[in-house]
PDB file of all heavy atoms in Angstrom:
ATOM      1  N   LEU A   1      39.798  -4.915  26.644  1.00  0.00           N
ATOM      2  CA  LEU A   1      39.222  -3.883  25.792  1.00  0.00           C
ATOM      3  C   LEU A   1      37.818  -4.274  25.342  1.00  0.00           C
ATOM      4  O   LEU A   1      36.921  -3.432  25.276  1.00  0.00           O
ATOM      5  CB  LEU A   1      40.120  -3.644  24.577  1.00  0.00           C
ATOM      6  CG  LEU A   1      39.783  -2.406  23.727  1.00  0.00           C
ATOM      7  CD1 LEU A   1      39.911  -1.140  24.558  1.00  0.00           C
ATOM      8  CD2 LEU A   1      40.695  -2.323  22.514  1.00  0.00           C
ATOM      9  N   ARG A   2      37.626  -5.556  25.051  1.00  0.00           N
ATOM     10  CA  ARG A   2      36.299  -6.022  24.644  1.00  0.00           C
ATOM     11  C   ARG A   2      35.291  -5.835  25.783  1.00  0.00           C
ATOM     12  O   ARG A   2      34.154  -5.407  25.558  1.00  0.00           O
ATOM     13  CB  ARG A   2      36.355  -7.489  24.219  1.00  0.00           C
ATOM     14  CG  ARG A   2      35.025  -8.014  23.665  1.00  0.00           C
ATOM     15  CD  ARG A   2      35.129  -9.449  23.182  1.00  0.00           C
ATOM     16  NE  ARG A   2      35.987  -9.544  22.008  1.00  0.00           N
ATOM     17  CZ  ARG A   2      37.202 -10.082  21.997  1.00  0.00           C
ATOM     18  NH1 ARG A   2      37.711 -10.581  23.119  1.00  0.00           N
ATOM     19  NH2 ARG A   2      37.914 -10.137  20.884  1.00  0.00           N
ATOM     20  N   ALA A   3      35.732  -6.145  27.014  1.00  0.00           N
ATOM     21  CA  ALA A   3      34.845  -5.967  28.169  1.00  0.00           C
ATOM     22  C   ALA A   3      34.524  -4.490  28.384  1.00  0.00           C
ATOM     23  O   ALA A   3      33.379  -4.123  28.677  1.00  0.00           O
ATOM     24  CB  ALA A   3      35.497  -6.554  29.420  1.00  0.00           C
ATOM     25  N   ASP A   4      35.537  -3.630  28.224  1.00  0.00           N
ATOM     26  CA  ASP A   4      35.318  -2.185  28.357  1.00  0.00           C
ATOM     27  C   ASP A   4      34.317  -1.687  27.314  1.00  0.00           C
ATOM     28  O   ASP A   4      33.430  -0.891  27.621  1.00  0.00           O
ATOM     29  CB  ASP A   4      36.646  -1.423  28.208  1.00  0.00           C
ATOM     30  CG  ASP A   4      37.552  -1.596  29.405  1.00  0.00           C
ATOM     31  OD1 ASP A   4      37.073  -2.084  30.456  1.00  0.00           O
ATOM     32  OD2 ASP A   4      38.750  -1.262  29.294  1.00  0.00           O
ATOM     33  N   TYR A   5      34.494  -2.155  26.100  1.00  0.00           N
ATOM     34  CA  TYR A   5      33.629  -1.729  25.003  1.00  0.00           C
ATOM     35  C   TYR A   5      32.181  -2.142  25.255  1.00  0.00           C
ATOM     36  O   TYR A   5      31.253  -1.338  25.067  1.00  0.00           O
ATOM     37  CB  TYR A   5      34.142  -2.330  23.698  1.00  0.00           C
ATOM     38  CG  TYR A   5      33.243  -2.114  22.502  1.00  0.00           C
ATOM     39  CD1 TYR A   5      32.868  -0.827  22.102  1.00  0.00           C
ATOM     40  CD2 TYR A   5      32.777  -3.197  21.749  1.00  0.00           C
ATOM     41  CE1 TYR A   5      32.044  -0.633  21.008  1.00  0.00           C
ATOM     42  CE2 TYR A   5      31.959  -3.011  20.654  1.00  0.00           C
ATOM     43  CZ  TYR A   5      31.596  -1.722  20.281  1.00  0.00           C
ATOM     44  OH  TYR A   5      30.768  -1.532  19.199  1.00  0.00           O
ATOM     45  N   GLN A   6      31.976  -3.368  25.708  1.00  0.00           N
ATOM     46  CA  GLN A   6      30.627  -3.837  25.999  1.00  0.00           C
ATOM     47  C   GLN A   6      30.003  -3.033  27.142  1.00  0.00           C
ATOM     48  O   GLN A   6      28.806  -2.741  27.128  1.00  0.00           O
ATOM     49  CB  GLN A   6      30.646  -5.333  26.348  1.00  0.00           C
ATOM     50  CG  GLN A   6      31.031  -6.242  25.196  1.00  0.00           C
ATOM     51  CD  GLN A   6      30.102  -6.120  24.006  1.00  0.00           C
ATOM     52  OE1 GLN A   6      28.898  -5.885  24.168  1.00  0.00           O
ATOM     53  NE2 GLN A   6      30.628  -6.280  22.795  1.00  0.00           N
ATOM     54  N   GLN A   7      30.830  -2.654  28.116  1.00  0.00           N
ATOM     55  CA  GLN A   7      30.341  -1.852  29.232  1.00  0.00           C
ATOM     56  C   GLN A   7      29.887  -0.473  28.760  1.00  0.00           C
ATOM     57  O   GLN A   7      28.848   0.045  29.190  1.00  0.00           O
ATOM     58  CB  GLN A   7      31.440  -1.698  30.288  1.00  0.00           C
ATOM     59  CG  GLN A   7      31.031  -0.868  31.516  1.00  0.00           C
ATOM     60  CD  GLN A   7      29.910  -1.509  32.294  1.00  0.00           C
ATOM     61  OE1 GLN A   7      29.998  -2.669  32.662  1.00  0.00           O
ATOM     62  NE2 GLN A   7      28.844  -0.755  32.546  1.00  0.00           N
ATOM     63  N   ILE A   8      30.673   0.117  27.860  1.00  0.00           N
ATOM     64  CA  ILE A   8      30.324   1.440  27.326  1.00  0.00           C
ATOM     65  C   ILE A   8      28.998   1.368  26.560  1.00  0.00           C
ATOM     66  O   ILE A   8      28.128   2.232  26.698  1.00  0.00           O
ATOM     67  CB  ILE A   8      31.444   1.976  26.419  1.00  0.00           C
ATOM     68  CG1 ILE A   8      32.737   2.173  27.218  1.00  0.00           C
ATOM     69  CG2 ILE A   8      31.037   3.299  25.776  1.00  0.00           C
ATOM     70  CD1 ILE A   8      33.963   2.394  26.354  1.00  0.00           C
ATOM     71  N   LYS A   9      28.858   0.335  25.735  1.00  0.00           N
ATOM     72  CA  LYS A   9      27.597   0.165  25.000  1.00  0.00           C
ATOM     73  C   LYS A   9      26.424  -0.016  25.970  1.00  0.00           C
ATOM     74  O   LYS A   9      25.346   0.557  25.770  1.00  0.00           O
ATOM     75  CB  LYS A   9      27.682  -1.047  24.057  1.00  0.00           C
ATOM     76  CG  LYS A   9      28.544  -0.821  22.842  1.00  0.00           C
ATOM     77  CD  LYS A   9      28.153  -1.709  21.678  1.00  0.00           C
ATOM     78  CE  LYS A   9      28.285  -3.168  21.964  1.00  0.00           C
ATOM     79  NZ  LYS A   9      27.992  -4.007  20.769  1.00  0.00           N
ATOM     80  N   GLY A  10      26.654  -0.805  27.020  1.00  0.00           N
ATOM     81  CA  GLY A  10      25.604  -1.020  28.012  1.00  0.00           C
ATOM     82  C   GLY A  10      25.220   0.262  28.726  1.00  0.00           C
ATOM     83  O   GLY A  10      24.039   0.500  29.003  1.00  0.00           O
ATOM     84  N   ASP A  11      26.217   1.101  29.011  1.00  0.00           N
ATOM     85  CA  ASP A  11      25.941   2.385  29.666  1.00  0.00           C
ATOM     86  C   ASP A  11      25.047   3.259  28.787  1.00  0.00           C
ATOM     87  O   ASP A  11      24.099   3.892  29.272  1.00  0.00           O
ATOM     88  CB  ASP A  11      27.249   3.132  29.962  1.00  0.00           C
ATOM     89  CG  ASP A  11      28.052   2.467  31.075  1.00  0.00           C
ATOM     90  OD1 ASP A  11      27.479   1.630  31.808  1.00  0.00           O
ATOM     91  OD2 ASP A  11      29.254   2.779  31.199  1.00  0.00           O
ATOM     92  N   PHE A  12      25.368   3.296  27.494  1.00  0.00           N
ATOM     93  CA  PHE A  12      24.554   4.113  26.581  1.00  0.00           C
ATOM     94  C   PHE A  12      23.132   3.569  26.516  1.00  0.00           C
ATOM     95  O   PHE A  12      22.158   4.338  26.553  1.00  0.00           O
ATOM     96  CB  PHE A  12      25.163   4.127  25.180  1.00  0.00           C
ATOM     97  CG  PHE A  12      24.382   4.973  24.207  1.00  0.00           C
ATOM     98  CD1 PHE A  12      24.678   6.321  24.047  1.00  0.00           C
ATOM     99  CD2 PHE A  12      23.343   4.431  23.458  1.00  0.00           C
ATOM    100  CE1 PHE A  12      23.943   7.119  23.165  1.00  0.00           C
ATOM    101  CE2 PHE A  12      22.604   5.213  22.581  1.00  0.00           C
ATOM    102  CZ  PHE A  12      22.916   6.559  22.426  1.00  0.00           C
ATOM    103  N   GLN A  13      22.997   2.259  26.415  1.00  0.00           N
ATOM    104  CA  GLN A  13      21.668   1.663  26.287  1.00  0.00           C
ATOM    105  C   GLN A  13      20.828   1.887  27.544  1.00  0.00           C
ATOM    106  O   GLN A  13      19.607   2.089  27.459  1.00  0.00           O
ATOM    107  CB  GLN A  13      21.805   0.175  25.962  1.00  0.00           C
ATOM    108  CG  GLN A  13      22.323  -0.070  24.550  1.00  0.00           C
ATOM    109  CD  GLN A  13      22.925  -1.444  24.349  1.00  0.00           C
ATOM    110  OE1 GLN A  13      23.138  -2.196  25.311  1.00  0.00           O
ATOM    111  NE2 GLN A  13      23.214  -1.800  23.099  1.00  0.00           N
ATOM    112  N   ALA A  14      21.489   1.886  28.714  1.00  0.00           N
ATOM    113  CA  ALA A  14      20.767   2.180  29.954  1.00  0.00           C
ATOM    114  C   ALA A  14      20.288   3.632  29.970  1.00  0.00           C
ATOM    115  O   ALA A  14      19.149   3.919  30.355  1.00  0.00           O
ATOM    116  CB  ALA A  14      21.671   1.909  31.161  1.00  0.00           C
ATOM    117  N   ARG A  15      21.153   4.538  29.523  1.00  0.00           N
ATOM    118  CA  ARG A  15      20.777   5.947  29.462  1.00  0.00           C
ATOM    119  C   ARG A  15      19.697   6.182  28.396  1.00  0.00           C
ATOM    120  O   ARG A  15      18.844   7.065  28.544  1.00  0.00           O
ATOM    121  CB  ARG A  15      22.003   6.803  29.171  1.00  0.00           C
ATOM    122  CG  ARG A  15      23.064   6.747  30.253  1.00  0.00           C
ATOM    123  CD  ARG A  15      22.601   7.456  31.502  1.00  0.00           C
ATOM    124  NE  ARG A  15      22.773   8.899  31.377  1.00  0.00           N
ATOM    125  CZ  ARG A  15      22.191   9.787  32.160  1.00  0.00           C
ATOM    126  NH1 ARG A  15      21.368   9.392  33.114  1.00  0.00           N
ATOM    127  NH2 ARG A  15      22.411  11.077  31.994  1.00  0.00           N
ATOM    128  N   GLU A  16      19.737   5.374  27.350  1.00  0.00           N
ATOM    129  CA  GLU A  16      18.707   5.476  26.310  1.00  0.00           C
ATOM    130  C   GLU A  16      17.335   5.131  26.890  1.00  0.00           C
ATOM    131  O   GLU A  16      16.338   5.796  26.588  1.00  0.00           O
ATOM    132  CB  GLU A  16      19.041   4.534  25.156  1.00  0.00           C
ATOM    133  CG  GLU A  16      18.050   4.583  24.011  1.00  0.00           C
ATOM    134  CD  GLU A  16      18.418   3.642  22.879  1.00  0.00           C
ATOM    135  OE1 GLU A  16      19.307   2.787  23.073  1.00  0.00           O
ATOM    136  OE2 GLU A  16      17.820   3.768  21.808  1.00  0.00           O
ATOM    137  N   LYS A  17      17.286   4.115  27.740  1.00  0.00           N
ATOM    138  CA  LYS A  17      16.017   3.757  28.386  1.00  0.00           C
ATOM    139  C   LYS A  17      15.535   4.890  29.289  1.00  0.00           C
ATOM    140  O   LYS A  17      14.334   5.180  29.349  1.00  0.00           O
ATOM    141  CB  LYS A  17      16.195   2.466  29.200  1.00  0.00           C
ATOM    142  CG  LYS A  17      16.365   1.219  28.345  1.00  0.00           C
ATOM    143  CD  LYS A  17      16.525  -0.020  29.213  1.00  0.00           C
ATOM    144  CE  LYS A  17      16.696  -1.267  28.348  1.00  0.00           C
ATOM    145  NZ  LYS A  17      16.887  -2.488  29.174  1.00  0.00           N
ATOM    146  N   GLU A  18      16.486   5.523  29.991  1.00  0.00           N
ATOM    147  CA  GLU A  18      16.124   6.664  30.837  1.00  0.00           C
ATOM    148  C   GLU A  18      15.532   7.792  29.990  1.00  0.00           C
ATOM    149  O   GLU A  18      14.546   8.424  30.374  1.00  0.00           O
ATOM    150  CB  GLU A  18      17.348   7.180  31.590  1.00  0.00           C
ATOM    151  CG  GLU A  18      17.849   6.263  32.695  1.00  0.00           C
ATOM    152  CD  GLU A  18      19.062   6.852  33.390  1.00  0.00           C
ATOM    153  OE1 GLU A  18      19.148   8.092  33.488  1.00  0.00           O
ATOM    154  OE2 GLU A  18      19.927   6.083  33.832  1.00  0.00           O
ATOM    155  N   ARG A  19      16.183   8.043  28.850  1.00  0.00           N
ATOM    156  CA  ARG A  19      15.713   9.129  27.963  1.00  0.00           C
ATOM    157  C   ARG A  19      14.331   8.807  27.408  1.00  0.00           C
ATOM    158  O   ARG A  19      13.472   9.688  27.330  1.00  0.00           O
ATOM    159  CB  ARG A  19      16.716   9.325  26.831  1.00  0.00           C
ATOM    160  CG  ARG A  19      16.307  10.392  25.808  1.00  0.00           C
ATOM    161  CD  ARG A  19      16.225  11.764  26.447  1.00  0.00           C
ATOM    162  NE  ARG A  19      15.777  12.802  25.532  1.00  0.00           N
ATOM    163  CZ  ARG A  19      14.533  13.020  25.188  1.00  0.00           C
ATOM    164  NH1 ARG A  19      13.561  12.250  25.663  1.00  0.00           N
ATOM    165  NH2 ARG A  19      14.215  14.012  24.371  1.00  0.00           N
ATOM    166  N   ASP A  20      14.107   7.562  27.026  1.00  0.00           N
ATOM    167  CA  ASP A  20      12.799   7.173  26.508  1.00  0.00           C
ATOM    168  C   ASP A  20      11.725   7.314  27.589  1.00  0.00           C
ATOM    169  O   ASP A  20      10.602   7.758  27.315  1.00  0.00           O
ATOM    170  CB  ASP A  20      12.833   5.736  25.988  1.00  0.00           C
ATOM    171  CG  ASP A  20      13.681   5.604  24.728  1.00  0.00           C
ATOM    172  OD1 ASP A  20      13.966   6.646  24.096  1.00  0.00           O
ATOM    173  OD2 ASP A  20      14.065   4.473  24.395  1.00  0.00           O
ATOM    174  N   SER A  21      12.085   6.927  28.828  1.00  0.00           N
ATOM    175  CA  SER A  21      11.145   7.062  29.939  1.00  0.00           C
ATOM    176  C   SER A  21      10.842   8.532  30.210  1.00  0.00           C
ATOM    177  O   SER A  21       9.682   8.909  30.443  1.00  0.00           O
ATOM    178  CB  SER A  21      11.734   6.407  31.200  1.00  0.00           C
ATOM    179  OG  SER A  21      10.889   6.603  32.313  1.00  0.00           O
ATOM    180  N   LEU A  22      11.871   9.359  30.148  1.00  0.00           N
ATOM    181  CA  LEU A  22      11.695  10.798  30.344  1.00  0.00           C
ATOM    182  C   LEU A  22      10.800  11.389  29.259  1.00  0.00           C
ATOM    183  O   LEU A  22       9.927  12.219  29.543  1.00  0.00           O
ATOM    184  CB  LEU A  22      13.060  11.485  30.351  1.00  0.00           C
ATOM    185  CG  LEU A  22      13.096  12.988  30.644  1.00  0.00           C
ATOM    186  CD1 LEU A  22      12.553  13.268  32.039  1.00  0.00           C
ATOM    187  CD2 LEU A  22      14.513  13.516  30.503  1.00  0.00           C
ATOM    188  N   ALA A  23      11.014  10.957  28.021  1.00  0.00           N
ATOM    189  CA  ALA A  23      10.196  11.452  26.909  1.00  0.00           C
ATOM    190  C   ALA A  23       8.737  11.051  27.096  1.00  0.00           C
ATOM    191  O   ALA A  23       7.821  11.844  26.822  1.00  0.00           O
ATOM    192  CB  ALA A  23      10.736  10.915  25.590  1.00  0.00           C
ATOM    193  N   ASN A  24       8.511   9.827  27.569  1.00  0.00           N
ATOM    194  CA  ASN A  24       7.134   9.373  27.806  1.00  0.00           C
ATOM    195  C   ASN A  24       6.458  10.204  28.894  1.00  0.00           C
ATOM    196  O   ASN A  24       5.279  10.561  28.787  1.00  0.00           O
ATOM    197  CB  ASN A  24       7.123   7.894  28.190  1.00  0.00           C
ATOM    198  CG  ASN A  24       7.510   6.986  27.035  1.00  0.00           C
ATOM    199  OD1 ASN A  24       7.380   7.365  25.873  1.00  0.00           O
ATOM    200  ND2 ASN A  24       8.001   5.796  27.344  1.00  0.00           N
ATOM    201  N   LYS A  25       7.232  10.515  29.945  1.00  0.00           N
ATOM    202  CA  LYS A  25       6.680  11.331  31.032  1.00  0.00           C
ATOM    203  C   LYS A  25       6.363  12.743  30.547  1.00  0.00           C
ATOM    204  O   LYS A  25       5.346  13.327  30.929  1.00  0.00           O
ATOM    205  CB  LYS A  25       7.668  11.388  32.198  1.00  0.00           C
ATOM    206  CG  LYS A  25       7.795  10.081  32.972  1.00  0.00           C
ATOM    207  CD  LYS A  25       8.803  10.194  34.103  1.00  0.00           C
ATOM    208  CE  LYS A  25       8.923   8.874  34.866  1.00  0.00           C
ATOM    209  NZ  LYS A  25       9.959   8.963  35.932  1.00  0.00           N
ATOM    210  N   GLU A  26       7.241  13.282  29.717  1.00  0.00           N
ATOM    211  CA  GLU A  26       7.010  14.629  29.184  1.00  0.00           C
ATOM    212  C   GLU A  26       5.767  14.664  28.302  1.00  0.00           C
ATOM    213  O   GLU A  26       4.979  15.614  28.352  1.00  0.00           O
ATOM    214  CB  GLU A  26       8.234  15.085  28.388  1.00  0.00           C
ATOM    215  CG  GLU A  26       9.444  15.396  29.263  1.00  0.00           C
ATOM    216  CD  GLU A  26      10.678  15.741  28.444  1.00  0.00           C
ATOM    217  OE1 GLU A  26      10.635  15.549  27.205  1.00  0.00           O
ATOM    218  OE2 GLU A  26      11.676  16.179  29.038  1.00  0.00           O
ATOM    219  N   ALA A  27       5.600  13.613  27.492  1.00  0.00           N
ATOM    220  CA  ALA A  27       4.419  13.541  26.633  1.00  0.00           C
ATOM    221  C   ALA A  27       3.148  13.423  27.472  1.00  0.00           C
ATOM    222  O   ALA A  27       2.125  14.051  27.170  1.00  0.00           O
ATOM    223  CB  ALA A  27       4.538  12.357  25.676  1.00  0.00           C
ATOM    224  N   LEU A  28       3.232  12.617  28.542  1.00  0.00           N
ATOM    225  CA  LEU A  28       2.067  12.456  29.425  1.00  0.00           C
ATOM    226  C   LEU A  28       1.751  13.759  30.146  1.00  0.00           C
ATOM    227  O   LEU A  28       0.580  14.146  30.269  1.00  0.00           O
ATOM    228  CB  LEU A  28       2.344  11.338  30.432  1.00  0.00           C
ATOM    229  CG  LEU A  28       1.199  10.967  31.382  1.00  0.00           C
ATOM    230  CD1 LEU A  28      -0.022  10.512  30.581  1.00  0.00           C
ATOM    231  CD2 LEU A  28       1.646   9.889  32.355  1.00  0.00           C
ATOM    232  N   LEU A  29       2.801  14.459  30.606  1.00  0.00           N
ATOM    233  CA  LEU A  29       2.589  15.740  31.282  1.00  0.00           C
ATOM    234  C   LEU A  29       1.956  16.764  30.340  1.00  0.00           C
ATOM    235  O   LEU A  29       1.059  17.521  30.738  1.00  0.00           O
ATOM    236  CB  LEU A  29       3.910  16.271  31.827  1.00  0.00           C
ATOM    237  CG  LEU A  29       3.853  17.628  32.547  1.00  0.00           C
ATOM    238  CD1 LEU A  29       2.904  17.566  33.743  1.00  0.00           C
ATOM    239  CD2 LEU A  29       5.250  18.062  32.985  1.00  0.00           C
ATOM    240  N   SER A  30       2.403  16.768  29.094  1.00  0.00           N
ATOM    241  CA  SER A  30       1.832  17.690  28.108  1.00  0.00           C
ATOM    242  C   SER A  30       0.342  17.428  27.918  1.00  0.00           C
ATOM    243  O   SER A  30      -0.463  18.369  27.794  1.00  0.00           O
ATOM    244  CB  SER A  30       2.561  17.552  26.769  1.00  0.00           C
ATOM    245  OG  SER A  30       3.901  17.984  26.888  1.00  0.00           O
ATOM    246  N   LYS A  31      -0.035  16.146  27.907  1.00  0.00           N
ATOM    247  CA  LYS A  31      -1.456  15.798  27.761  1.00  0.00           C
ATOM    248  C   LYS A  31      -2.250  16.303  28.964  1.00  0.00           C
ATOM    249  O   LYS A  31      -3.344  16.883  28.814  1.00  0.00           O
ATOM    250  CB  LYS A  31      -1.616  14.284  27.624  1.00  0.00           C
ATOM    251  CG  LYS A  31      -3.068  13.833  27.512  1.00  0.00           C
ATOM    252  CD  LYS A  31      -3.179  12.330  27.448  1.00  0.00           C
ATOM    253  CE  LYS A  31      -4.638  11.889  27.317  1.00  0.00           C
ATOM    254  NZ  LYS A  31      -5.507  12.398  28.421  1.00  0.00           N
ATOM    255  N   TRP A  32      -1.721  16.105  30.152  1.00  0.00           N
ATOM    256  CA  TRP A  32      -2.407  16.568  31.361  1.00  0.00           C
ATOM    257  C   TRP A  32      -2.492  18.097  31.395  1.00  0.00           C
ATOM    258  O   TRP A  32      -3.492  18.657  31.856  1.00  0.00           O
ATOM    259  CB  TRP A  32      -1.697  16.041  32.606  1.00  0.00           C
ATOM    260  CG  TRP A  32      -2.166  14.657  32.979  1.00  0.00           C
ATOM    261  CD1 TRP A  32      -1.751  13.473  32.443  1.00  0.00           C
ATOM    262  CD2 TRP A  32      -3.149  14.340  33.958  1.00  0.00           C
ATOM    263  NE1 TRP A  32      -2.417  12.427  33.016  1.00  0.00           N
ATOM    264  CE2 TRP A  32      -3.286  12.930  33.959  1.00  0.00           C
ATOM    265  CE3 TRP A  32      -3.932  15.091  34.823  1.00  0.00           C
ATOM    266  CZ2 TRP A  32      -4.178  12.266  34.803  1.00  0.00           C
ATOM    267  CZ3 TRP A  32      -4.823  14.430  35.674  1.00  0.00           C
ATOM    268  CH2 TRP A  32      -4.941  13.031  35.657  1.00  0.00           C
ATOM    269  N   GLU A  33      -1.475  18.756  30.922  1.00  0.00           N
ATOM    270  CA  GLU A  33      -1.522  20.225  30.872  1.00  0.00           C
ATOM    271  C   GLU A  33      -2.628  20.698  29.933  1.00  0.00           C
ATOM    272  O   GLU A  33      -3.353  21.660  30.246  1.00  0.00           O
ATOM    273  CB  GLU A  33      -0.171  20.777  30.419  1.00  0.00           C
ATOM    274  CG  GLU A  33       0.912  20.694  31.490  1.00  0.00           C
ATOM    275  CD  GLU A  33       2.246  21.232  31.028  1.00  0.00           C
ATOM    276  OE1 GLU A  33       2.489  21.219  29.799  1.00  0.00           O
ATOM    277  OE2 GLU A  33       3.042  21.650  31.870  1.00  0.00           O
TER     278      GLU A  33
END
């Protein structure tokens, strides 16, 4: 259960990085627009 829990947290943190990267790209695109 501890290993499962750590995996779930890791999955969220990986998706959080994706979301932050997406937000940065959106902000950059808005500037270019």
